Amino acid sequence: MTDREPENSSLRDIASRLSKARGAQDGKTGQSADKGLQSSLGMGFRIGVEMVAAIAVGLGIGWLLDNWLGTGPWLLVLFFFLGAAAGVMNVYRAITGIGLAPGYKKPAKARADDDKDGDV
């Protein structure tokens, strides 16, 4: 009976280590897939909100100015297009990452010239 106890304990030890390894591996792949999906979903929602908000603000400003000045739908139409242009610009900035880092970035050609000099 004493001969079987070491086998059982070593089998339990191996089984516990194996289950820990499988759990860690499943957790890593599941988390990275979820992060990628959440990141893409978040970017999609951000783009949608940027466009809708910019157009809504443009329409609101145009409507208020039309009511105040009595100019009819002309300012509403003008500010609709201005809001749409602002929305497209915001979406472009969100996708390319412009405005996320402090300071100005060098133009792409200047960065390429700096890299050729070897002073990275």
PDB file of N, CA and C in Angstrom:
ATOM      1  N   MET A   1       0.809  -1.182   0.000  1.00  0.00           N
ATOM      2  CA  MET A   1       0.000   0.000   0.000  1.00  0.00           C
ATOM      3  C   MET A   1       0.860   1.257   0.000  1.00  0.00           C
ATOM      4  N   THR A   2       2.003   1.168   0.626  1.00  0.00           N
ATOM      5  CA  THR A   2       2.877   2.332   0.638  1.00  0.00           C
ATOM      6  C   THR A   2       3.504   2.562  -0.733  1.00  0.00           C
ATOM      7  N   ASP A   3       3.603   1.490  -1.541  1.00  0.00           N
ATOM      8  CA  ASP A   3       4.163   1.653  -2.879  1.00  0.00           C
ATOM      9  C   ASP A   3       3.232   2.453  -3.792  1.00  0.00           C
ATOM     10  N   ARG A   4       1.946   2.386  -3.578  1.00  0.00           N
ATOM     11  CA  ARG A   4       0.981   3.055  -4.449  1.00  0.00           C
ATOM     12  C   ARG A   4       0.835   4.540  -4.102  1.00  0.00           C
ATOM     13  N   GLU A   5       1.101   4.921  -2.884  1.00  0.00           N
ATOM     14  CA  GLU A   5       0.936   6.323  -2.489  1.00  0.00           C
ATOM     15  C   GLU A   5       1.871   7.256  -3.261  1.00  0.00           C
ATOM     16  N   PRO A   6       3.158   6.927  -3.438  1.00  0.00           N
ATOM     17  CA  PRO A   6       4.001   7.828  -4.226  1.00  0.00           C
ATOM     18  C   PRO A   6       3.523   7.961  -5.671  1.00  0.00           C
ATOM     19  N   GLU A   7       3.043   6.866  -6.260  1.00  0.00           N
ATOM     20  CA  GLU A   7       2.532   6.941  -7.621  1.00  0.00           C
ATOM     21  C   GLU A   7       1.323   7.854  -7.690  1.00  0.00           C
ATOM     22  N   ASN A   8       0.408   7.723  -6.735  1.00  0.00           N
ATOM     23  CA  ASN A   8      -0.785   8.565  -6.726  1.00  0.00           C
ATOM     24  C   ASN A   8      -0.419  10.026  -6.522  1.00  0.00           C
ATOM     25  N   SER A   9       0.526  10.292  -5.619  1.00  0.00           N
ATOM     26  CA  SER A   9       0.895  11.684  -5.373  1.00  0.00           C
ATOM     27  C   SER A   9       1.607  12.278  -6.588  1.00  0.00           C
ATOM     28  N   SER A  10       2.462  11.482  -7.243  1.00  0.00           N
ATOM     29  CA  SER A  10       3.135  12.014  -8.432  1.00  0.00           C
ATOM     30  C   SER A  10       2.141  12.203  -9.579  1.00  0.00           C
ATOM     31  N   LEU A  11       1.175  11.296  -9.697  1.00  0.00           N
ATOM     32  CA  LEU A  11       0.151  11.465 -10.721  1.00  0.00           C
ATOM     33  C   LEU A  11      -0.700  12.697 -10.437  1.00  0.00           C
ATOM     34  N   ARG A  12      -1.027  12.902  -9.181  1.00  0.00           N
ATOM     35  CA  ARG A  12      -1.803  14.101  -8.813  1.00  0.00           C
ATOM     36  C   ARG A  12      -0.999  15.361  -9.109  1.00  0.00           C
ATOM     37  N   ASP A  13       0.294  15.301  -8.808  1.00  0.00           N
ATOM     38  CA  ASP A  13       1.151  16.456  -9.062  1.00  0.00           C
ATOM     39  C   ASP A  13       1.217  16.761 -10.558  1.00  0.00           C
ATOM     40  N   ILE A  14       1.398  15.733 -11.353  1.00  0.00           N
ATOM     41  CA  ILE A  14       1.454  15.923 -12.805  1.00  0.00           C
ATOM     42  C   ILE A  14       0.115  16.432 -13.323  1.00  0.00           C
ATOM     43  N   ALA A  15      -0.967  15.851 -12.837  1.00  0.00           N
ATOM     44  CA  ALA A  15      -2.298  16.280 -13.281  1.00  0.00           C
ATOM     45  C   ALA A  15      -2.561  17.733 -12.906  1.00  0.00           C
ATOM     46  N   SER A  16      -2.154  18.137 -11.711  1.00  0.00           N
ATOM     47  CA  SER A  16      -2.387  19.526 -11.301  1.00  0.00           C
ATOM     48  C   SER A  16      -1.537  20.489 -12.129  1.00  0.00           C
ATOM     49  N   ARG A  17      -0.281  20.119 -12.397  1.00  0.00           N
ATOM     50  CA  ARG A  17       0.569  20.984 -13.227  1.00  0.00           C
ATOM     51  C   ARG A  17       0.041  21.069 -14.659  1.00  0.00           C
ATOM     52  N   LEU A  18      -0.460  19.947 -15.166  1.00  0.00           N
ATOM     53  CA  LEU A  18      -1.010  19.937 -16.515  1.00  0.00           C
ATOM     54  C   LEU A  18      -2.263  20.805 -16.609  1.00  0.00           C
ATOM     55  N   SER A  19      -3.126  20.708 -15.623  1.00  0.00           N
ATOM     56  CA  SER A  19      -4.341  21.533 -15.650  1.00  0.00           C
ATOM     57  C   SER A  19      -4.014  23.017 -15.503  1.00  0.00           C
ATOM     58  N   LYS A  20      -2.999  23.348 -14.698  1.00  0.00           N
ATOM     59  CA  LYS A  20      -2.576  24.750 -14.578  1.00  0.00           C
ATOM     60  C   LYS A  20      -2.035  25.267 -15.902  1.00  0.00           C
ATOM     61  N   ALA A  21      -1.237  24.433 -16.576  1.00  0.00           N
ATOM     62  CA  ALA A  21      -0.663  24.848 -17.861  1.00  0.00           C
ATOM     63  C   ALA A  21      -1.748  25.035 -18.912  1.00  0.00           C
ATOM     64  N   ARG A  22      -2.703  24.116 -18.946  1.00  0.00           N
ATOM     65  CA  ARG A  22      -3.805  24.251 -19.904  1.00  0.00           C
ATOM     66  C   ARG A  22      -4.640  25.490 -19.603  1.00  0.00           C
ATOM     67  N   GLY A  23      -4.892  25.742 -18.336  1.00  0.00           N
ATOM     68  CA  GLY A  23      -5.664  26.928 -17.957  1.00  0.00           C
ATOM     69  C   GLY A  23      -4.951  28.208 -18.322  1.00  0.00           C
ATOM     70  N   ALA A  24      -3.645  28.242 -18.107  1.00  0.00           N
ATOM     71  CA  ALA A  24      -2.873  29.438 -18.456  1.00  0.00           C
ATOM     72  C   ALA A  24      -2.857  29.643 -19.965  1.00  0.00           C
ATOM     73  N   GLN A  25      -2.715  28.554 -20.721  1.00  0.00           N
ATOM     74  CA  GLN A  25      -2.686  28.667 -22.179  1.00  0.00           C
ATOM     75  C   GLN A  25      -4.049  29.099 -22.708  1.00  0.00           C
ATOM     76  N   ASP A  26      -5.130  28.519 -22.210  1.00  0.00           N
ATOM     77  CA  ASP A  26      -6.465  28.902 -22.654  1.00  0.00           C
ATOM     78  C   ASP A  26      -6.766  30.344 -22.277  1.00  0.00           C
ATOM     79  N   GLY A  27      -6.318  30.759 -21.107  1.00  0.00           N
ATOM     80  CA  GLY A  27      -6.556  32.129 -20.668  1.00  0.00           C
ATOM     81  C   GLY A  27      -5.847  33.138 -21.542  1.00  0.00           C
ATOM     82  N   LYS A  28      -4.621  32.826 -21.951  1.00  0.00           N
ATOM     83  CA  LYS A  28      -3.861  33.766 -22.786  1.00  0.00           C
ATOM     84  C   LYS A  28      -4.495  33.931 -24.155  1.00  0.00           C
ATOM     85  N   THR A  29      -4.845  32.834 -24.800  1.00  0.00           N
ATOM     86  CA  THR A  29      -5.419  32.950 -26.140  1.00  0.00           C
ATOM     87  C   THR A  29      -6.796  33.578 -26.083  1.00  0.00           C
ATOM     88  N   GLY A  30      -7.569  33.274 -25.082  1.00  0.00           N
ATOM     89  CA  GLY A  30      -8.894  33.871 -24.954  1.00  0.00           C
ATOM     90  C   GLY A  30      -8.824  35.355 -24.687  1.00  0.00           C
ATOM     91  N   GLN A  31      -7.883  35.781 -23.853  1.00  0.00           N
ATOM     92  CA  GLN A  31      -7.763  37.198 -23.530  1.00  0.00           C
ATOM     93  C   GLN A  31      -7.285  37.995 -24.729  1.00  0.00           C
ATOM     94  N   SER A  32      -6.329  37.475 -25.481  1.00  0.00           N
ATOM     95  CA  SER A  32      -5.823  38.236 -26.628  1.00  0.00           C
ATOM     96  C   SER A  32      -6.888  38.354 -27.709  1.00  0.00           C
ATOM     97  N   ALA A  33      -7.671  37.309 -27.918  1.00  0.00           N
ATOM     98  CA  ALA A  33      -8.743  37.384 -28.906  1.00  0.00           C
ATOM     99  C   ALA A  33      -9.813  38.372 -28.456  1.00  0.00           C
ATOM    100  N   ASP A  34     -10.137  38.360 -27.162  1.00  0.00           N
ATOM    101  CA  ASP A  34     -11.123  39.297 -26.642  1.00  0.00           C
ATOM    102  C   ASP A  34     -10.619  40.728 -26.724  1.00  0.00           C
ATOM    103  N   LYS A  35      -9.344  40.950 -26.444  1.00  0.00           N
ATOM    104  CA  LYS A  35      -8.791  42.305 -26.518  1.00  0.00           C
ATOM    105  C   LYS A  35      -8.844  42.833 -27.940  1.00  0.00           C
ATOM    106  N   GLY A  36      -8.513  42.004 -28.904  1.00  0.00           N
ATOM    107  CA  GLY A  36      -8.561  42.433 -30.299  1.00  0.00           C
ATOM    108  C   GLY A  36      -9.970  42.776 -30.734  1.00  0.00           C
ATOM    109  N   LEU A  37     -10.931  41.951 -30.328  1.00  0.00           N
ATOM    110  CA  LEU A  37     -12.325  42.207 -30.666  1.00  0.00           C
ATOM    111  C   LEU A  37     -12.817  43.470 -29.986  1.00  0.00           C
ATOM    112  N   GLN A  38     -12.476  43.641 -28.709  1.00  0.00           N
ATOM    113  CA  GLN A  38     -12.905  44.833 -27.986  1.00  0.00           C
ATOM    114  C   GLN A  38     -12.267  46.078 -28.570  1.00  0.00           C
ATOM    115  N   SER A  39     -11.019  45.989 -28.961  1.00  0.00           N
ATOM    116  CA  SER A  39     -10.334  47.138 -29.544  1.00  0.00           C
ATOM    117  C   SER A  39     -10.976  47.530 -30.868  1.00  0.00           C
ATOM    118  N   SER A  40     -11.265  46.565 -31.710  1.00  0.00           N
ATOM    119  CA  SER A  40     -11.897  46.851 -32.997  1.00  0.00           C
ATOM    120  C   SER A  40     -13.308  47.382 -32.811  1.00  0.00           C
ATOM    121  N   LEU A  41     -14.026  46.784 -31.890  1.00  0.00           N
ATOM    122  CA  LEU A  41     -15.387  47.231 -31.619  1.00  0.00           C
ATOM    123  C   LEU A  41     -15.383  48.641 -31.056  1.00  0.00           C
ATOM    124  N   GLY A  42     -14.448  48.919 -30.173  1.00  0.00           N
ATOM    125  CA  GLY A  42     -14.335  50.260 -29.606  1.00  0.00           C
ATOM    126  C   GLY A  42     -13.994  51.294 -30.656  1.00  0.00           C
ATOM    127  N   MET A  43     -13.091  50.951 -31.568  1.00  0.00           N
ATOM    128  CA  MET A  43     -12.735  51.889 -32.637  1.00  0.00           C
ATOM    129  C   MET A  43     -13.927  52.118 -33.559  1.00  0.00           C
ATOM    130  N   GLY A  44     -14.678  51.076 -33.848  1.00  0.00           N
ATOM    131  CA  GLY A  44     -15.873  51.231 -34.687  1.00  0.00           C
ATOM    132  C   GLY A  44     -16.904  52.139 -34.051  1.00  0.00           C
ATOM    133  N   PHE A  45     -17.146  51.941 -32.755  1.00  0.00           N
ATOM    134  CA  PHE A  45     -18.088  52.813 -32.054  1.00  0.00           C
ATOM    135  C   PHE A  45     -17.577  54.245 -32.015  1.00  0.00           C
ATOM    136  N   ARG A  46     -16.288  54.415 -31.815  1.00  0.00           N
ATOM    137  CA  ARG A  46     -15.724  55.767 -31.766  1.00  0.00           C
ATOM    138  C   ARG A  46     -15.912  56.480 -33.099  1.00  0.00           C
ATOM    139  N   ILE A  47     -15.661  55.774 -34.195  1.00  0.00           N
ATOM    140  CA  ILE A  47     -15.820  56.373 -35.520  1.00  0.00           C
ATOM    141  C   ILE A  47     -17.274  56.765 -35.751  1.00  0.00           C
ATOM    142  N   GLY A  48     -18.192  55.884 -35.389  1.00  0.00           N
ATOM    143  CA  GLY A  48     -19.612  56.196 -35.553  1.00  0.00           C
ATOM    144  C   GLY A  48     -20.045  57.390 -34.727  1.00  0.00           C
ATOM    145  N   VAL A  49     -19.594  57.437 -33.487  1.00  0.00           N
ATOM    146  CA  VAL A  49     -19.959  58.546 -32.608  1.00  0.00           C
ATOM    147  C   VAL A  49     -19.345  59.850 -33.100  1.00  0.00           C
ATOM    148  N   GLU A  50     -18.108  59.801 -33.578  1.00  0.00           N
ATOM    149  CA  GLU A  50     -17.461  61.013 -34.106  1.00  0.00           C
ATOM    150  C   GLU A  50     -18.273  61.592 -35.261  1.00  0.00           C
ATOM    151  N   MET A  51     -18.694  60.743 -36.189  1.00  0.00           N
ATOM    152  CA  MET A  51     -19.453  61.232 -37.342  1.00  0.00           C
ATOM    153  C   MET A  51     -20.814  61.778 -36.929  1.00  0.00           C
ATOM    154  N   VAL A  52     -21.546  61.020 -36.125  1.00  0.00           N
ATOM    155  CA  VAL A  52     -22.891  61.446 -35.729  1.00  0.00           C
ATOM    156  C   VAL A  52     -22.833  62.720 -34.900  1.00  0.00           C
ATOM    157  N   ALA A  53     -21.886  62.802 -33.976  1.00  0.00           N
ATOM    158  CA  ALA A  53     -21.788  63.986 -33.121  1.00  0.00           C
ATOM    159  C   ALA A  53     -21.427  65.225 -33.928  1.00  0.00           C
ATOM    160  N   ALA A  54     -20.495  65.104 -34.852  1.00  0.00           N
ATOM    161  CA  ALA A  54     -20.097  66.268 -35.649  1.00  0.00           C
ATOM    162  C   ALA A  54     -21.250  66.756 -36.520  1.00  0.00           C
ATOM    163  N   ILE A  55     -21.978  65.846 -37.130  1.00  0.00           N
ATOM    164  CA  ILE A  55     -23.115  66.245 -37.963  1.00  0.00           C
ATOM    165  C   ILE A  55     -24.218  66.842 -37.101  1.00  0.00           C
ATOM    166  N   ALA A  56     -24.473  66.251 -35.926  1.00  0.00           N
ATOM    167  CA  ALA A  56     -25.511  66.782 -35.036  1.00  0.00           C
ATOM    168  C   ALA A  56     -25.162  68.186 -34.553  1.00  0.00           C
ATOM    169  N   VAL A  57     -23.908  68.413 -34.213  1.00  0.00           N
ATOM    170  CA  VAL A  57     -23.488  69.752 -33.773  1.00  0.00           C
ATOM    171  C   VAL A  57     -23.627  70.744 -34.922  1.00  0.00           C
ATOM    172  N   GLY A  58     -23.227  70.346 -36.117  1.00  0.00           N
ATOM    173  CA  GLY A  58     -23.374  71.221 -37.280  1.00  0.00           C
ATOM    174  C   GLY A  58     -24.829  71.562 -37.559  1.00  0.00           C
ATOM    175  N   LEU A  59     -25.703  70.556 -37.500  1.00  0.00           N
ATOM    176  CA  LEU A  59     -27.130  70.805 -37.704  1.00  0.00           C
ATOM    177  C   LEU A  59     -27.697  71.703 -36.613  1.00  0.00           C
ATOM    178  N   GLY A  60     -27.276  71.477 -35.380  1.00  0.00           N
ATOM    179  CA  GLY A  60     -27.770  72.306 -34.272  1.00  0.00           C
ATOM    180  C   GLY A  60     -27.358  73.759 -34.413  1.00  0.00           C
ATOM    181  N   ILE A  61     -26.114  73.985 -34.755  1.00  0.00           N
ATOM    182  CA  ILE A  61     -25.639  75.366 -34.932  1.00  0.00           C
ATOM    183  C   ILE A  61     -26.365  76.020 -36.109  1.00  0.00           C
ATOM    184  N   GLY A  62     -26.506  75.300 -37.208  1.00  0.00           N
ATOM    185  CA  GLY A  62     -27.211  75.847 -38.369  1.00  0.00           C
ATOM    186  C   GLY A  62     -28.658  76.168 -38.062  1.00  0.00           C
ATOM    187  N   TRP A  63     -29.336  75.294 -37.346  1.00  0.00           N
ATOM    188  CA  TRP A  63     -30.743  75.521 -36.995  1.00  0.00           C
ATOM    189  C   TRP A  63     -30.888  76.728 -36.077  1.00  0.00           C
ATOM    190  N   LEU A  64     -30.009  76.836 -35.075  1.00  0.00           N
ATOM    191  CA  LEU A  64     -30.068  77.985 -34.164  1.00  0.00           C
ATOM    192  C   LEU A  64     -29.798  79.296 -34.905  1.00  0.00           C
ATOM    193  N   LEU A  65     -28.804  79.311 -35.760  1.00  0.00           N
ATOM    194  CA  LEU A  65     -28.510  80.534 -36.511  1.00  0.00           C
ATOM    195  C   LEU A  65     -29.636  80.886 -37.484  1.00  0.00           C
ATOM    196  N   ASP A  66     -30.235  79.885 -38.113  1.00  0.00           N
ATOM    197  CA  ASP A  66     -31.366  80.151 -39.008  1.00  0.00           C
ATOM    198  C   ASP A  66     -32.546  80.739 -38.246  1.00  0.00           C
ATOM    199  N   ASN A  67     -32.831  80.207 -37.070  1.00  0.00           N
ATOM    200  CA  ASN A  67     -33.932  80.753 -36.264  1.00  0.00           C
ATOM    201  C   ASN A  67     -33.614  82.160 -35.784  1.00  0.00           C
ATOM    202  N   TRP A  68     -32.388  82.410 -35.420  1.00  0.00           N
ATOM    203  CA  TRP A  68     -32.001  83.717 -34.889  1.00  0.00           C
ATOM    204  C   TRP A  68     -31.983  84.779 -35.984  1.00  0.00           C
ATOM    205  N   LEU A  69     -31.445  84.411 -37.159  1.00  0.00           N
ATOM    206  CA  LEU A  69     -31.315  85.377 -38.246  1.00  0.00           C
ATOM    207  C   LEU A  69     -32.472  85.336 -39.240  1.00  0.00           C
ATOM    208  N   GLY A  70     -33.293  84.301 -39.189  1.00  0.00           N
ATOM    209  CA  GLY A  70     -34.426  84.174 -40.104  1.00  0.00           C
ATOM    210  C   GLY A  70     -34.007  83.968 -41.552  1.00  0.00           C
ATOM    211  N   THR A  71     -32.970  83.211 -41.767  1.00  0.00           N
ATOM    212  CA  THR A  71     -32.435  83.027 -43.116  1.00  0.00           C
ATOM    213  C   THR A  71     -32.955  81.781 -43.816  1.00  0.00           C
ATOM    214  N   GLY A  72     -33.871  81.068 -43.222  1.00  0.00           N
ATOM    215  CA  GLY A  72     -34.379  79.859 -43.867  1.00  0.00           C
ATOM    216  C   GLY A  72     -33.417  78.700 -43.670  1.00  0.00           C
ATOM    217  N   PRO A  73     -33.428  77.757 -44.558  1.00  0.00           N
ATOM    218  CA  PRO A  73     -32.597  76.566 -44.333  1.00  0.00           C
ATOM    219  C   PRO A  73     -31.152  76.712 -44.795  1.00  0.00           C
ATOM    220  N   TRP A  74     -30.738  77.902 -45.207  1.00  0.00           N
ATOM    221  CA  TRP A  74     -29.419  78.038 -45.818  1.00  0.00           C
ATOM    222  C   TRP A  74     -28.281  77.772 -44.839  1.00  0.00           C
ATOM    223  N   LEU A  75     -28.350  78.321 -43.668  1.00  0.00           N
ATOM    224  CA  LEU A  75     -27.278  78.082 -42.691  1.00  0.00           C
ATOM    225  C   LEU A  75     -27.315  76.647 -42.165  1.00  0.00           C
ATOM    226  N   LEU A  76     -28.520  76.080 -42.096  1.00  0.00           N
ATOM    227  CA  LEU A  76     -28.644  74.679 -41.688  1.00  0.00           C
ATOM    228  C   LEU A  76     -27.906  73.777 -42.678  1.00  0.00           C
ATOM    229  N   VAL A  77     -28.104  74.020 -43.959  1.00  0.00           N
ATOM    230  CA  VAL A  77     -27.435  73.226 -44.994  1.00  0.00           C
ATOM    231  C   VAL A  77     -25.925  73.455 -44.950  1.00  0.00           C
ATOM    232  N   LEU A  78     -25.530  74.714 -44.811  1.00  0.00           N
ATOM    233  CA  LEU A  78     -24.104  75.038 -44.755  1.00  0.00           C
ATOM    234  C   LEU A  78     -23.423  74.344 -43.581  1.00  0.00           C
ATOM    235  N   PHE A  79     -24.028  74.437 -42.396  1.00  0.00           N
ATOM    236  CA  PHE A  79     -23.407  73.839 -41.217  1.00  0.00           C
ATOM    237  C   PHE A  79     -23.529  72.319 -41.204  1.00  0.00           C
ATOM    238  N   PHE A  80     -24.501  71.761 -41.937  1.00  0.00           N
ATOM    239  CA  PHE A  80     -24.538  70.309 -42.096  1.00  0.00           C
ATOM    240  C   PHE A  80     -23.271  69.838 -42.809  1.00  0.00           C
ATOM    241  N   PHE A  81     -22.924  70.514 -43.897  1.00  0.00           N
ATOM    242  CA  PHE A  81     -21.721  70.126 -44.641  1.00  0.00           C
ATOM    243  C   PHE A  81     -20.451  70.410 -43.847  1.00  0.00           C
ATOM    244  N   LEU A  82     -20.438  71.510 -43.103  1.00  0.00           N
ATOM    245  CA  LEU A  82     -19.277  71.785 -42.255  1.00  0.00           C
ATOM    246  C   LEU A  82     -19.131  70.721 -41.163  1.00  0.00           C
ATOM    247  N   GLY A  83     -20.247  70.307 -40.572  1.00  0.00           N
ATOM    248  CA  GLY A  83     -20.212  69.249 -39.560  1.00  0.00           C
ATOM    249  C   GLY A  83     -19.770  67.917 -40.137  1.00  0.00           C
ATOM    250  N   ALA A  84     -20.242  67.609 -41.353  1.00  0.00           N
ATOM    251  CA  ALA A  84     -19.828  66.364 -42.005  1.00  0.00           C
ATOM    252  C   ALA A  84     -18.333  66.390 -42.303  1.00  0.00           C
ATOM    253  N   ALA A  85     -17.831  67.540 -42.749  1.00  0.00           N
ATOM    254  CA  ALA A  85     -16.393  67.656 -43.018  1.00  0.00           C
ATOM    255  C   ALA A  85     -15.589  67.518 -41.729  1.00  0.00           C
ATOM    256  N   ALA A  86     -16.077  68.123 -40.652  1.00  0.00           N
ATOM    257  CA  ALA A  86     -15.390  67.995 -39.365  1.00  0.00           C
ATOM    258  C   ALA A  86     -15.414  66.546 -38.884  1.00  0.00           C
ATOM    259  N   GLY A  87     -16.527  65.852 -39.105  1.00  0.00           N
ATOM    260  CA  GLY A  87     -16.616  64.447 -38.721  1.00  0.00           C
ATOM    261  C   GLY A  87     -15.641  63.575 -39.484  1.00  0.00           C
ATOM    262  N   VAL A  88     -15.520  63.804 -40.784  1.00  0.00           N
ATOM    263  CA  VAL A  88     -14.571  63.038 -41.597  1.00  0.00           C
ATOM    264  C   VAL A  88     -13.146  63.318 -41.134  1.00  0.00           C
ATOM    265  N   MET A  89     -12.860  64.585 -40.827  1.00  0.00           N
ATOM    266  CA  MET A  89     -11.518  64.933 -40.358  1.00  0.00           C
ATOM    267  C   MET A  89     -11.225  64.262 -39.008  1.00  0.00           C
ATOM    268  N   ASN A  90     -12.203  64.236 -38.113  1.00  0.00           N
ATOM    269  CA  ASN A  90     -12.011  63.585 -36.816  1.00  0.00           C
ATOM    270  C   ASN A  90     -11.808  62.084 -36.972  1.00  0.00           C
ATOM    271  N   VAL A  91     -12.550  61.466 -37.872  1.00  0.00           N
ATOM    272  CA  VAL A  91     -12.385  60.029 -38.115  1.00  0.00           C
ATOM    273  C   VAL A  91     -10.999  59.754 -38.685  1.00  0.00           C
ATOM    274  N   TYR A  92     -10.545  60.577 -39.611  1.00  0.00           N
ATOM    275  CA  TYR A  92      -9.203  60.409 -40.178  1.00  0.00           C
ATOM    276  C   TYR A  92      -8.142  60.538 -39.091  1.00  0.00           C
ATOM    277  N   ARG A  93      -8.296  61.523 -38.219  1.00  0.00           N
ATOM    278  CA  ARG A  93      -7.333  61.708 -37.134  1.00  0.00           C
ATOM    279  C   ARG A  93      -7.370  60.537 -36.158  1.00  0.00           C
ATOM    280  N   ALA A  94      -8.551  59.980 -35.914  1.00  0.00           N
ATOM    281  CA  ALA A  94      -8.657  58.841 -34.999  1.00  0.00           C
ATOM    282  C   ALA A  94      -8.004  57.596 -35.593  1.00  0.00           C
ATOM    283  N   ILE A  95      -8.182  57.391 -36.882  1.00  0.00           N
ATOM    284  CA  ILE A  95      -7.636  56.191 -37.519  1.00  0.00           C
ATOM    285  C   ILE A  95      -6.121  56.274 -37.645  1.00  0.00           C
ATOM    286  N   THR A  96      -5.600  57.426 -38.030  1.00  0.00           N
ATOM    287  CA  THR A  96      -4.157  57.549 -38.230  1.00  0.00           C
ATOM    288  C   THR A  96      -3.402  57.790 -36.939  1.00  0.00           C
ATOM    289  N   GLY A  97      -4.093  58.149 -35.874  1.00  0.00           N
ATOM    290  CA  GLY A  97      -3.435  58.372 -34.593  1.00  0.00           C
ATOM    291  C   GLY A  97      -2.896  59.770 -34.426  1.00  0.00           C
ATOM    292  N   ILE A  98      -3.246  60.678 -35.318  1.00  0.00           N
ATOM    293  CA  ILE A  98      -2.794  62.065 -35.188  1.00  0.00           C
ATOM    294  C   ILE A  98      -3.504  62.687 -33.993  1.00  0.00           C
ATOM    295  N   GLY A  99      -2.752  63.363 -33.177  1.00  0.00           N
ATOM    296  CA  GLY A  99      -3.345  64.023 -32.024  1.00  0.00           C
ATOM    297  C   GLY A  99      -3.333  63.170 -30.770  1.00  0.00           C
ATOM    298  N   LEU A 100      -2.835  61.948 -30.862  1.00  0.00           N
ATOM    299  CA  LEU A 100      -2.794  61.098 -29.682  1.00  0.00           C
ATOM    300  C   LEU A 100      -1.519  61.306 -28.880  1.00  0.00           C
ATOM    301  N   ALA A 101      -0.470  61.780 -29.519  1.00  0.00           N
ATOM    302  CA  ALA A 101       0.806  61.996 -28.844  1.00  0.00           C
ATOM    303  C   ALA A 101       1.035  63.496 -28.683  1.00  0.00           C
ATOM    304  N   PRO A 102       1.692  63.894 -27.620  1.00  0.00           N
ATOM    305  CA  PRO A 102       1.961  65.319 -27.450  1.00  0.00           C
ATOM    306  C   PRO A 102       2.999  65.807 -28.450  1.00  0.00           C
ATOM    307  N   GLY A 103       2.871  67.044 -28.853  1.00  0.00           N
ATOM    308  CA  GLY A 103       3.844  67.629 -29.775  1.00  0.00           C
ATOM    309  C   GLY A 103       3.502  67.356 -31.215  1.00  0.00           C
ATOM    310  N   TYR A 104       4.315  67.915 -32.078  1.00  0.00           N
ATOM    311  CA  TYR A 104       4.111  67.741 -33.509  1.00  0.00           C
ATOM    312  C   TYR A 104       4.994  66.625 -34.029  1.00  0.00           C
ATOM    313  N   LYS A 105       4.527  65.972 -35.074  1.00  0.00           N
ATOM    314  CA  LYS A 105       5.318  64.933 -35.717  1.00  0.00           C
ATOM    315  C   LYS A 105       6.017  65.525 -36.930  1.00  0.00           C
ATOM    316  N   LYS A 106       7.188  64.994 -37.227  1.00  0.00           N
ATOM    317  CA  LYS A 106       7.890  65.406 -38.435  1.00  0.00           C
ATOM    318  C   LYS A 106       7.160  64.839 -39.648  1.00  0.00           C
ATOM    319  N   PRO A 107       7.264  65.516 -40.784  1.00  0.00           N
ATOM    320  CA  PRO A 107       6.713  64.925 -42.009  1.00  0.00           C
ATOM    321  C   PRO A 107       7.416  63.606 -42.318  1.00  0.00           C
ATOM    322  N   ALA A 108       6.752  62.741 -43.048  1.00  0.00           N
ATOM    323  CA  ALA A 108       7.284  61.401 -43.323  1.00  0.00           C
ATOM    324  C   ALA A 108       8.618  61.464 -44.055  1.00  0.00           C
ATOM    325  N   LYS A 109       8.788  62.405 -44.982  1.00  0.00           N
ATOM    326  CA  LYS A 109      10.035  62.503 -45.730  1.00  0.00           C
ATOM    327  C   LYS A 109      11.194  62.884 -44.811  1.00  0.00           C
ATOM    328  N   ALA A 110      10.961  63.788 -43.887  1.00  0.00           N
ATOM    329  CA  ALA A 110      12.014  64.203 -42.961  1.00  0.00           C
ATOM    330  C   ALA A 110      12.412  63.050 -42.042  1.00  0.00           C
ATOM    331  N   ARG A 111      11.449  62.243 -41.617  1.00  0.00           N
ATOM    332  CA  ARG A 111      11.765  61.082 -40.773  1.00  0.00           C
ATOM    333  C   ARG A 111      12.585  60.070 -41.550  1.00  0.00           C
ATOM    334  N   ALA A 112      12.268  59.870 -42.831  1.00  0.00           N
ATOM    335  CA  ALA A 112      13.019  58.917 -43.656  1.00  0.00           C
ATOM    336  C   ALA A 112      14.452  59.403 -43.850  1.00  0.00           C
ATOM    337  N   ASP A 113      14.639  60.717 -44.035  1.00  0.00           N
ATOM    338  CA  ASP A 113      15.986  61.262 -44.188  1.00  0.00           C
ATOM    339  C   ASP A 113      16.786  61.097 -42.905  1.00  0.00           C
ATOM    340  N   ASP A 114      16.145  61.279 -41.754  1.00  0.00           N
ATOM    341  CA  ASP A 114      16.829  61.104 -40.475  1.00  0.00           C
ATOM    342  C   ASP A 114      17.261  59.658 -40.271  1.00  0.00           C
ATOM    343  N   ASP A 115      16.432  58.717 -40.711  1.00  0.00           N
ATOM    344  CA  ASP A 115      16.769  57.302 -40.553  1.00  0.00           C
ATOM    345  C   ASP A 115      17.944  56.908 -41.442  1.00  0.00           C
ATOM    346  N   LYS A 116      18.086  57.550 -42.596  1.00  0.00           N
ATOM    347  CA  LYS A 116      19.198  57.238 -43.498  1.00  0.00           C
ATOM    348  C   LYS A 116      20.528  57.697 -42.921  1.00  0.00           C
ATOM    349  N   ASP A 117      20.508  58.759 -42.113  1.00  0.00           N
ATOM    350  CA  ASP A 117      21.738  59.272 -41.513  1.00  0.00           C
ATOM    351  C   ASP A 117      22.316  58.311 -40.488  1.00  0.00           C
ATOM    352  N   GLY A 118      21.493  57.443 -39.942  1.00  0.00           N
ATOM    353  CA  GLY A 118      21.974  56.503 -38.941  1.00  0.00           C
ATOM    354  C   GLY A 118      21.781  56.990 -37.525  1.00  0.00           C
ATOM    355  N   ASP A 119      21.264  58.169 -37.356  1.00  0.00           N
ATOM    356  CA  ASP A 119      20.998  58.704 -36.018  1.00  0.00           C
ATOM    357  C   ASP A 119      19.566  58.383 -35.639  1.00  0.00           C
ATOM    358  N   VAL A 120      19.342  57.175 -35.218  1.00  0.00           N
ATOM    359  CA  VAL A 120      17.985  56.751 -34.901  1.00  0.00           C
ATOM    360  C   VAL A 120      17.608  57.166 -33.528  1.00  0.00           C
TER     361      VAL A 120
END
